[in-house]
Amino acid sequence: MSPELSVVILLGINLGLVWLLLAAPLGRRTLRLRRTFEADAMKIWSAVFPLGANADWHHSVISSTRIGDGRVRQAYAHVDRTGKPILRTLQVSDVTAHGQEPGQERLAFCARVVDDSALDPSFWRHFRERRSLSATASGSVLTIEQTDDYRGLAFLLFRYFSLRRETSALEQWLRKGVSVPNGLFERSPVQAGLAVLSTLLLWPFFGLHLYGLMLSVMLTVVIVLHELGHMAAYRACGHRHVRMIFIPFLGGIAIGGRPYNSLFEVAFCALMGAGLSAFLVPVLSALHVLLARDGAFHAEAGRIVLVFLAILGAFNLLNLLPMQRFDGGQVLRQVFSSRPALVVASFAVALLVLGTGWRVGLPPMALLAGLAVFTLLSMLGSRSAVKPRHSLVPMTNGERILAGCGLYAAVGLHGSAIVYACDRLFG
């Protein structure tokens, strides 16, 4: 497989995964989860029913309080943009109870979200939940059904695994009287394993030999450095809990500990993925100069540094493209409020990226096709279903200048890294 074909296939897989996870129109879908517990049905009902005596059993629920006819307000350990517990109001209806004799209980209710202190009510417009509980000879069967409109597979999967975790936590509470976080996916050993898996999956695209493995390892390291930049930005903005999720083929995702509070925070956290790596460009360039002075060993080490520098620059430069789901597009949408300014700024970033490609010798037709695609994508709007309850704090003029200059500086530094490395590797 030629290097050009490998790059095209790898980019196609990445873009396809991004579309599938974030943009695919799935429409209305219902998740159903059924689990049997060896416990009294009424005890389970007191926990899963929002108006039950033990409705605050879960470790993420601080309190569950009746506030009106069929309405309950729940406070969560998860915080909103100001650091306060998220408050969510549920409307509970269709409560049914049949066969209250021991061993014949059959209980059910429906619920919908009518208010949320962190998210706009439109987010919950199509969300409905039904929970039913029935007693059997072997225990009690809990059935949970959640219906909503979905765009992208990621949130559907998130809710499915959240329900699985909730039922596992319920089993723990029924046995031990306490609920504690039981997720394994975010733990460091699992994420390290996913990073290794990602490296091995990428290996064939670079060639199944030692040099190809080295390139795959370098790309994984670059991805980790990129996500560490996002995580450092989250911590600088006051997020108490941040984590990184590794997704094979797609790369990594840094997740903050609360919703964004300001437009500058959105731009800063998006920019610092490539921004942190940009600080390594002059360091690696200087290291190459030192290693290349004399000696065969030093020369070979210098070549490895150049390869790493090229991968670092290329990965981060692609992430700075003015596309809706990329870091560059995130920054541009916060800095430029008017559509004409956004289009001009996006076109300028695309020209800088494509100019870097022309400088290192990419085919003109490929560059023209890329320019057309990038320009089209920069003009397309993107509706996000996740809308905050209150508008984010707007940027000051100084913050706009800082974020805008930071974006173009990051594009320039990573572009220069590619040019510096390619001139010495292939010149």
Protein backbone atom coordinates (compact mmCIF):
# COMPACT_ATOMS: atom_id res chain seq x y z
CA MET A 1 0.00 0.00 0.00
CA SER A 2 1.46 3.36 -1.04
CA PRO A 3 1.87 6.11 1.60
CA GLU A 4 -0.61 8.33 -0.28
CA LEU A 5 -3.27 5.61 -0.33
CA SER A 6 -2.67 4.87 3.37
CA VAL A 7 -3.20 8.53 4.26
CA VAL A 8 -6.39 8.75 2.18
CA ILE A 9 -7.83 5.57 3.73
CA LEU A 10 -6.90 6.63 7.27
CA LEU A 11 -8.43 10.09 6.80
CA GLY A 12 -11.54 8.52 5.28
CA ILE A 13 -11.92 6.20 8.29
CA ASN A 14 -11.48 9.12 10.70
CA LEU A 15 -14.00 11.36 8.94
CA GLY A 16 -16.45 8.45 8.62
CA LEU A 17 -16.19 7.72 12.34
CA VAL A 18 -16.65 11.39 13.22
CA TRP A 19 -19.80 11.52 11.08
CA LEU A 20 -21.16 8.25 12.48
CA LEU A 21 -20.54 9.19 16.10
CA LEU A 22 -21.52 12.86 15.99
CA ALA A 23 -23.69 13.61 12.96
CA ALA A 24 -25.45 10.51 11.62
CA PRO A 25 -29.27 11.14 11.65
CA LEU A 26 -30.50 8.17 13.70
CA GLY A 27 -33.95 9.61 14.41
CA ARG A 28 -36.09 8.39 17.29
CA ARG A 29 -34.65 5.39 19.11
CA THR A 30 -35.68 3.53 22.25
CA LEU A 31 -33.18 1.91 24.58
CA ARG A 32 -34.48 -1.05 26.57
CA LEU A 33 -32.62 -2.63 29.44
CA ARG A 34 -33.97 -5.44 31.60
CA ARG A 35 -32.33 -6.85 34.71
CA THR A 36 -33.36 -9.31 37.41
CA PHE A 37 -32.51 -8.62 41.05
CA GLU A 38 -32.72 -11.01 43.97
CA ALA A 39 -34.40 -8.42 46.17
CA ASP A 40 -37.82 -7.32 47.36
CA ALA A 41 -39.71 -5.43 44.65
CA MET A 42 -40.88 -2.70 47.02
CA LYS A 43 -37.32 -1.95 48.11
CA ILE A 44 -36.26 -1.61 44.48
CA TRP A 45 -39.30 0.56 43.77
CA SER A 46 -38.37 2.91 46.63
CA ALA A 47 -35.07 3.52 44.84
CA VAL A 48 -36.00 3.72 41.15
CA PHE A 49 -39.23 5.72 41.65
CA PRO A 50 -38.28 9.45 41.78
CA LEU A 51 -40.79 9.99 44.62
CA GLY A 52 -39.68 6.90 46.53
CA ALA A 53 -38.20 6.92 50.00
CA ASN A 54 -34.74 5.98 48.70
CA ALA A 55 -34.76 7.98 45.45
CA ASP A 56 -31.36 9.49 46.37
CA TRP A 57 -29.68 6.09 46.63
CA HIS A 58 -27.34 6.67 43.65
CA HIS A 59 -23.93 8.23 44.35
CA SER A 60 -24.56 10.95 41.75
CA VAL A 61 -27.91 12.04 43.24
CA ILE A 62 -27.68 14.43 46.20
CA SER A 63 -31.41 14.73 46.82
CA SER A 64 -34.82 14.00 45.29
CA THR A 65 -37.60 16.30 46.51
CA ARG A 66 -41.32 16.54 45.65
CA ILE A 67 -42.14 20.11 44.55
CA GLY A 68 -45.69 19.74 43.28
CA ASP A 69 -48.27 17.41 41.86
CA GLY A 70 -46.25 14.68 40.17
CA ARG A 71 -43.12 16.82 40.04
CA VAL A 72 -39.79 16.09 41.65
CA ARG A 73 -36.57 18.10 41.69
CA GLN A 74 -33.34 16.16 41.81
CA ALA A 75 -29.95 17.64 42.69
CA TYR A 76 -26.91 15.95 41.19
CA ALA A 77 -23.27 15.73 42.23
CA HIS A 78 -22.36 16.83 38.71
CA VAL A 79 -21.89 20.60 38.64
CA ASP A 80 -23.06 23.30 36.26
CA ARG A 81 -20.94 26.06 34.69
CA THR A 82 -20.76 27.94 38.03
CA GLY A 83 -19.73 24.90 40.05
CA LYS A 84 -23.15 24.40 41.68
CA PRO A 85 -25.01 21.04 41.66
CA ILE A 86 -27.15 20.53 38.56
CA LEU A 87 -30.89 20.69 39.33
CA ARG A 88 -33.32 18.75 37.16
CA THR A 89 -37.12 18.73 37.44
CA LEU A 90 -39.05 15.61 36.40
CA GLN A 91 -42.73 15.30 35.61
CA VAL A 92 -43.83 11.84 36.74
CA SER A 93 -47.02 10.36 35.24
CA ASP A 94 -48.84 7.09 34.48
CA VAL A 95 -47.95 5.63 37.85
CA THR A 96 -49.47 2.16 38.07
CA ALA A 97 -49.53 -0.44 40.81
CA HIS A 98 -51.17 -3.85 40.47
CA GLY A 99 -51.25 -6.93 42.61
CA GLN A 100 -49.91 -5.54 45.85
CA GLU A 101 -49.97 -8.99 47.44
CA PRO A 102 -46.46 -10.26 48.25
CA GLY A 103 -44.92 -11.79 45.14
CA GLN A 104 -47.45 -10.16 42.80
CA GLU A 105 -46.19 -6.56 42.68
CA ARG A 106 -46.27 -4.86 39.30
CA LEU A 107 -45.27 -1.21 39.34
CA ALA A 108 -44.54 1.29 36.60
CA PHE A 109 -44.19 5.02 35.87
CA CYS A 110 -43.28 7.41 33.05
CA ALA A 111 -41.16 10.52 33.39
CA ARG A 112 -39.98 13.45 31.32
CA VAL A 113 -37.61 16.33 32.08
CA VAL A 114 -39.33 19.71 32.28
CA ASP A 115 -36.48 21.83 33.61
CA ASP A 116 -32.70 21.66 33.82
CA SER A 117 -30.31 24.19 35.37
CA ALA A 118 -27.51 23.34 32.92
CA LEU A 119 -29.23 22.54 29.61
CA ASP A 120 -31.86 24.34 27.56
CA PRO A 121 -35.31 22.65 27.78
CA SER A 122 -35.13 21.97 24.02
CA PHE A 123 -32.50 19.32 24.76
CA TRP A 124 -35.13 17.26 26.59
CA ARG A 125 -37.99 17.93 24.15
CA HIS A 126 -38.21 14.36 22.84
CA PHE A 127 -36.88 12.51 25.88
CA ARG A 128 -39.22 10.06 27.60
CA GLU A 129 -38.47 7.38 30.16
CA ARG A 130 -40.55 4.47 31.42
CA ARG A 131 -39.59 2.13 34.23
CA SER A 132 -41.54 -0.95 35.24
CA LEU A 133 -40.99 -3.46 37.99
CA SER A 134 -42.53 -6.88 38.39
CA ALA A 135 -42.04 -9.65 40.93
CA THR A 136 -41.17 -13.16 39.72
CA ALA A 137 -40.36 -16.45 41.37
CA SER A 138 -36.63 -15.75 41.06
CA GLY A 139 -36.70 -12.12 42.20
CA SER A 140 -37.74 -8.78 40.74
CA VAL A 141 -37.40 -7.73 37.11
CA LEU A 142 -36.68 -4.08 36.37
CA THR A 143 -37.25 -2.83 32.81
CA ILE A 144 -35.99 0.61 31.76
CA GLU A 145 -36.99 2.22 28.47
CA GLN A 146 -35.61 5.55 27.25
CA THR A 147 -36.82 7.18 24.04
CA ASP A 148 -35.25 10.21 22.36
CA ASP A 149 -34.21 11.64 18.99
CA TYR A 150 -30.54 11.06 18.26
CA ARG A 151 -28.06 12.63 15.90
CA GLY A 152 -24.88 10.60 16.03
CA LEU A 153 -24.21 7.26 17.66
CA ALA A 154 -22.02 8.59 20.48
CA PHE A 155 -24.79 9.88 22.76
CA LEU A 156 -26.92 6.77 22.18
CA LEU A 157 -24.02 4.57 23.28
CA PHE A 158 -23.32 6.87 26.23
CA ARG A 159 -26.88 6.51 27.50
CA TYR A 160 -26.84 2.75 27.01
CA PHE A 161 -23.69 2.26 29.07
CA SER A 162 -24.95 4.78 31.65
CA LEU A 163 -28.03 2.60 32.16
CA ARG A 164 -25.85 -0.49 32.53
CA ARG A 165 -23.77 1.29 35.14
CA GLU A 166 -26.88 2.44 36.97
CA THR A 167 -28.27 -1.09 37.23
CA SER A 168 -24.88 -2.38 38.41
CA ALA A 169 -24.79 0.36 41.05
CA LEU A 170 -28.36 -0.59 42.06
CA GLU A 171 -27.28 -4.20 42.55
CA GLN A 172 -24.44 -2.95 44.73
CA TRP A 173 -26.78 -0.74 46.77
CA LEU A 174 -29.24 -3.59 47.29
CA ARG A 175 -26.48 -5.89 48.56
CA LYS A 176 -24.30 -3.46 50.53
CA GLY A 177 -26.51 -0.45 51.16
CA VAL A 178 -24.13 1.92 49.38
CA SER A 179 -23.52 3.00 45.79
CA VAL A 180 -20.04 3.92 44.53
CA PRO A 181 -18.76 4.68 40.99
CA ASN A 182 -18.30 1.37 39.17
CA GLY A 183 -17.07 2.41 35.72
CA LEU A 184 -13.95 0.74 34.35
CA PHE A 185 -13.72 2.41 30.96
CA GLU A 186 -12.18 5.70 32.17
CA ARG A 187 -9.58 4.05 34.38
CA SER A 188 -5.93 4.50 33.44
CA PRO A 189 -5.12 0.81 32.74
CA VAL A 190 -8.08 0.52 30.33
CA GLN A 191 -7.14 3.73 28.54
CA ALA A 192 -3.51 2.60 28.32
CA GLY A 193 -4.73 -0.64 26.78
CA LEU A 194 -6.84 1.27 24.26
CA ALA A 195 -3.82 3.40 23.37
CA VAL A 196 -1.81 0.23 22.69
CA LEU A 197 -4.70 -1.19 20.65
CA SER A 198 -4.90 2.03 18.64
CA THR A 199 -1.17 1.84 17.96
CA LEU A 200 -1.46 -1.74 16.70
CA LEU A 201 -4.49 -0.91 14.51
CA LEU A 202 -2.63 2.01 12.93
CA TRP A 203 0.53 -0.05 12.33
CA PRO A 204 -0.60 -1.66 9.01
CA PHE A 205 -1.22 1.79 7.49
CA PHE A 206 2.47 2.61 7.93
CA GLY A 207 3.76 -0.82 6.87
CA LEU A 208 4.08 -4.01 8.92
CA HIS A 209 7.76 -3.53 9.74
CA LEU A 210 9.78 -1.95 12.54
CA TYR A 211 9.79 1.49 10.92
CA GLY A 212 6.01 1.35 10.49
CA LEU A 213 5.61 0.44 14.17
CA MET A 214 7.79 3.41 15.11
CA LEU A 215 5.56 5.74 13.08
CA SER A 216 2.44 4.31 14.70
CA VAL A 217 3.91 4.77 18.19
CA MET A 218 4.89 8.34 17.34
CA LEU A 219 1.35 9.13 16.18
CA THR A 220 -0.07 7.73 19.43
CA VAL A 221 2.35 9.87 21.46
CA VAL A 222 1.35 12.93 19.43
CA ILE A 223 -2.33 12.21 20.12
CA VAL A 224 -1.63 11.91 23.86
CA LEU A 225 0.30 15.21 23.87
CA HIS A 226 -2.57 16.88 22.02
CA GLU A 227 -5.17 15.70 24.52
CA LEU A 228 -2.92 16.63 27.44
CA GLY A 229 -3.00 20.18 26.08
CA HIS A 230 -6.80 20.16 26.22
CA MET A 231 -6.73 18.72 29.74
CA ALA A 232 -4.24 21.36 30.92
CA ALA A 233 -6.57 24.06 29.56
CA TYR A 234 -9.55 22.56 31.39
CA ARG A 235 -7.60 22.55 34.65
CA ALA A 236 -6.48 26.14 34.08
CA CYS A 237 -10.16 27.11 33.66
CA GLY A 238 -11.08 25.56 37.00
CA HIS A 239 -12.35 22.11 36.02
CA ARG A 240 -11.73 19.89 39.03
CA HIS A 241 -12.06 16.56 37.24
CA VAL A 242 -10.73 16.03 33.72
CA ARG A 243 -10.07 12.81 31.85
CA MET A 244 -8.98 11.49 28.48
CA ILE A 245 -10.77 8.81 26.49
CA PHE A 246 -8.87 6.93 23.77
CA ILE A 247 -10.87 5.81 20.73
CA PRO A 248 -8.98 3.57 18.25
CA PHE A 249 -8.66 5.13 14.76
CA LEU A 250 -10.34 8.34 15.94
CA GLY A 251 -7.69 9.39 18.46
CA GLY A 252 -8.41 10.78 21.89
CA ILE A 253 -11.04 12.97 23.52
CA ALA A 254 -10.38 15.19 26.54
CA ILE A 255 -13.43 15.68 28.76
CA GLY A 256 -13.82 18.52 31.23
CA GLY A 257 -15.46 18.38 34.63
CA ARG A 258 -18.29 20.84 34.00
CA PRO A 259 -20.00 22.76 31.15
CA TYR A 260 -18.23 25.74 29.61
CA ASN A 261 -18.80 29.10 31.27
CA SER A 262 -17.62 31.54 28.57
CA LEU A 263 -16.89 31.71 24.85
CA PHE A 264 -13.24 32.37 25.63
CA GLU A 265 -13.11 29.17 27.69
CA VAL A 266 -14.45 27.21 24.69
CA ALA A 267 -11.85 28.76 22.37
CA PHE A 268 -8.99 28.42 24.85
CA CYS A 269 -9.69 24.75 25.65
CA ALA A 270 -10.05 23.91 21.93
CA LEU A 271 -6.88 25.79 20.95
CA MET A 272 -4.62 24.35 23.64
CA GLY A 273 -4.66 20.87 22.11
CA ALA A 274 -2.46 22.12 19.28
CA GLY A 275 -1.20 25.05 21.36
CA LEU A 276 0.71 22.94 23.87
CA SER A 277 2.29 20.88 21.10
CA ALA A 278 3.30 24.12 19.34
CA PHE A 279 5.72 24.85 22.18
CA LEU A 280 7.56 21.63 21.28
CA VAL A 281 8.26 22.75 17.69
CA PRO A 282 11.23 25.06 18.47
CA VAL A 283 12.50 22.60 21.09
CA LEU A 284 12.51 19.67 18.65
CA SER A 285 14.01 21.82 15.89
CA ALA A 286 16.85 22.87 18.20
CA LEU A 287 17.35 19.25 19.27
CA HIS A 288 17.68 18.19 15.64
CA VAL A 289 20.33 20.85 15.03
CA LEU A 290 22.34 19.57 17.98
CA LEU A 291 22.03 15.92 16.97
CA ALA A 292 22.84 16.52 13.30
CA ARG A 293 26.20 18.18 13.94
CA ASP A 294 28.36 15.08 13.85
CA GLY A 295 28.37 11.31 14.25
CA ALA A 296 26.30 8.64 12.50
CA PHE A 297 24.39 7.81 15.67
CA HIS A 298 23.50 11.44 16.22
CA ALA A 299 22.50 11.81 12.58
CA GLU A 300 20.11 8.85 12.80
CA ALA A 301 18.69 10.18 16.07
CA GLY A 302 18.23 13.54 14.39
CA ARG A 303 16.29 11.86 11.58
CA ILE A 304 13.96 10.26 14.11
CA VAL A 305 13.39 13.69 15.66
CA LEU A 306 12.50 15.06 12.21
CA VAL A 307 9.98 12.28 11.59
CA PHE A 308 8.37 12.94 14.97
CA LEU A 309 8.31 16.67 14.22
CA ALA A 310 6.58 16.06 10.88
CA ILE A 311 3.93 13.84 12.49
CA LEU A 312 3.42 16.36 15.31
CA GLY A 313 2.96 19.20 12.84
CA ALA A 314 0.68 17.28 10.45
CA PHE A 315 -1.65 15.92 13.13
CA ASN A 316 -2.11 19.26 14.85
CA LEU A 317 -2.41 21.18 11.59
CA LEU A 318 -5.26 18.90 10.50
CA ASN A 319 -6.97 19.50 13.85
CA LEU A 320 -6.77 23.26 13.24
CA LEU A 321 -8.71 23.03 9.97
CA PRO A 322 -11.81 25.27 9.93
CA MET A 323 -14.25 22.36 10.09
CA GLN A 324 -17.18 22.28 12.48
CA ARG A 325 -16.03 19.24 14.47
CA PHE A 326 -12.34 20.18 14.55
CA ASP A 327 -10.49 22.38 17.04
CA GLY A 328 -9.86 25.10 14.45
CA GLY A 329 -13.56 25.40 13.67
CA GLN A 330 -14.39 25.55 17.39
CA VAL A 331 -12.00 28.46 17.92
CA LEU A 332 -13.15 30.38 14.85
CA ARG A 333 -16.84 30.12 15.78
CA GLN A 334 -16.19 31.70 19.16
CA VAL A 335 -13.90 34.48 17.89
CA PHE A 336 -15.95 35.60 14.87
CA SER A 337 -19.62 36.26 15.56
CA SER A 338 -20.63 37.40 12.05
CA ARG A 339 -20.91 34.90 9.20
CA PRO A 340 -18.89 36.92 6.62
CA ALA A 341 -16.00 37.31 9.07
CA LEU A 342 -16.16 33.61 9.92
CA VAL A 343 -16.01 32.64 6.23
CA VAL A 344 -13.02 34.94 5.55
CA ALA A 345 -11.15 33.73 8.65
CA SER A 346 -11.85 30.09 7.79
CA PHE A 347 -10.66 30.64 4.22
CA ALA A 348 -7.44 32.20 5.56
CA VAL A 349 -6.73 29.20 7.77
CA ALA A 350 -7.46 26.83 4.87
CA LEU A 351 -5.04 28.78 2.65
CA LEU A 352 -2.28 28.56 5.26
CA VAL A 353 -2.78 24.81 5.60
CA LEU A 354 -2.90 24.24 1.86
CA GLY A 355 0.08 26.55 1.39
CA THR A 356 2.03 24.27 3.70
CA GLY A 357 1.00 21.31 1.54
CA TRP A 358 2.13 23.13 -1.62
CA ARG A 359 5.46 24.02 0.03
CA VAL A 360 6.26 20.38 0.80
CA GLY A 361 5.31 19.22 -2.71
CA LEU A 362 1.76 17.84 -2.54
CA PRO A 363 0.07 17.54 -5.99
CA PRO A 364 -1.70 20.77 -7.12
CA MET A 365 -4.95 18.96 -7.98
CA ALA A 366 -5.11 17.45 -4.50
CA LEU A 367 -4.59 20.90 -2.99
CA LEU A 368 -7.32 22.47 -5.12
CA ALA A 369 -9.76 19.71 -4.21
CA GLY A 370 -8.85 20.14 -0.56
CA LEU A 371 -9.37 23.91 -0.79
CA ALA A 372 -12.86 23.40 -2.25
CA VAL A 373 -13.81 20.90 0.45
CA PHE A 374 -12.46 23.01 3.31
CA THR A 375 -14.17 26.15 2.05
CA LEU A 376 -17.50 24.34 1.69
CA LEU A 377 -17.26 22.79 5.15
CA SER A 378 -16.37 26.14 6.72
CA MET A 379 -19.56 27.66 5.29
CA LEU A 380 -21.85 24.88 6.46
CA GLY A 381 -23.63 25.46 9.73
CA SER A 382 -23.78 22.91 12.51
CA ARG A 383 -26.68 22.55 14.90
CA SER A 384 -25.79 21.06 18.20
CA ALA A 385 -28.47 19.36 20.27
CA VAL A 386 -26.53 20.25 23.42
CA LYS A 387 -27.56 23.85 24.09
CA PRO A 388 -26.74 25.47 27.45
CA ARG A 389 -29.57 26.82 29.61
CA HIS A 390 -28.02 30.28 29.69
CA SER A 391 -25.87 32.03 27.09
CA LEU A 392 -22.14 31.77 27.67
CA VAL A 393 -20.23 34.81 28.85
CA PRO A 394 -19.24 36.71 25.67
CA MET A 395 -15.67 37.47 24.70
CA THR A 396 -14.05 40.82 25.24
CA ASN A 397 -12.18 42.39 22.32
CA GLY A 398 -8.90 41.54 24.01
CA GLU A 399 -9.89 37.89 24.34
CA ARG A 400 -10.91 37.76 20.66
CA ILE A 401 -7.52 39.12 19.61
CA LEU A 402 -5.71 36.72 21.93
CA ALA A 403 -7.63 33.65 20.74
CA GLY A 404 -7.44 34.64 17.06
CA CYS A 405 -3.71 35.36 17.16
CA GLY A 406 -3.17 32.14 19.10
CA LEU A 407 -4.95 30.15 16.40
CA TYR A 408 -2.95 31.61 13.52
CA ALA A 409 0.28 31.30 15.53
CA ALA A 410 -0.44 27.61 16.14
CA VAL A 411 -1.19 27.11 12.42
CA GLY A 412 2.05 28.88 11.50
CA LEU A 413 4.21 26.97 13.98
CA HIS A 414 2.89 23.55 13.00
CA GLY A 415 3.11 24.45 9.31
CA SER A 416 6.73 25.50 9.78
CA ALA A 417 7.40 22.22 11.62
CA ILE A 418 6.21 20.25 8.59
CA VAL A 419 8.26 22.37 6.18
CA TYR A 420 11.41 22.17 8.35
CA ALA A 421 11.13 18.39 8.73
CA CYS A 422 10.26 17.62 5.09
CA ASP A 423 13.02 19.85 3.69
CA ARG A 424 15.60 17.88 5.66
CA LEU A 425 14.05 14.45 5.24
CA PHE A 426 13.39 14.67 1.48
CA GLY A 427 15.40 17.68 0.31
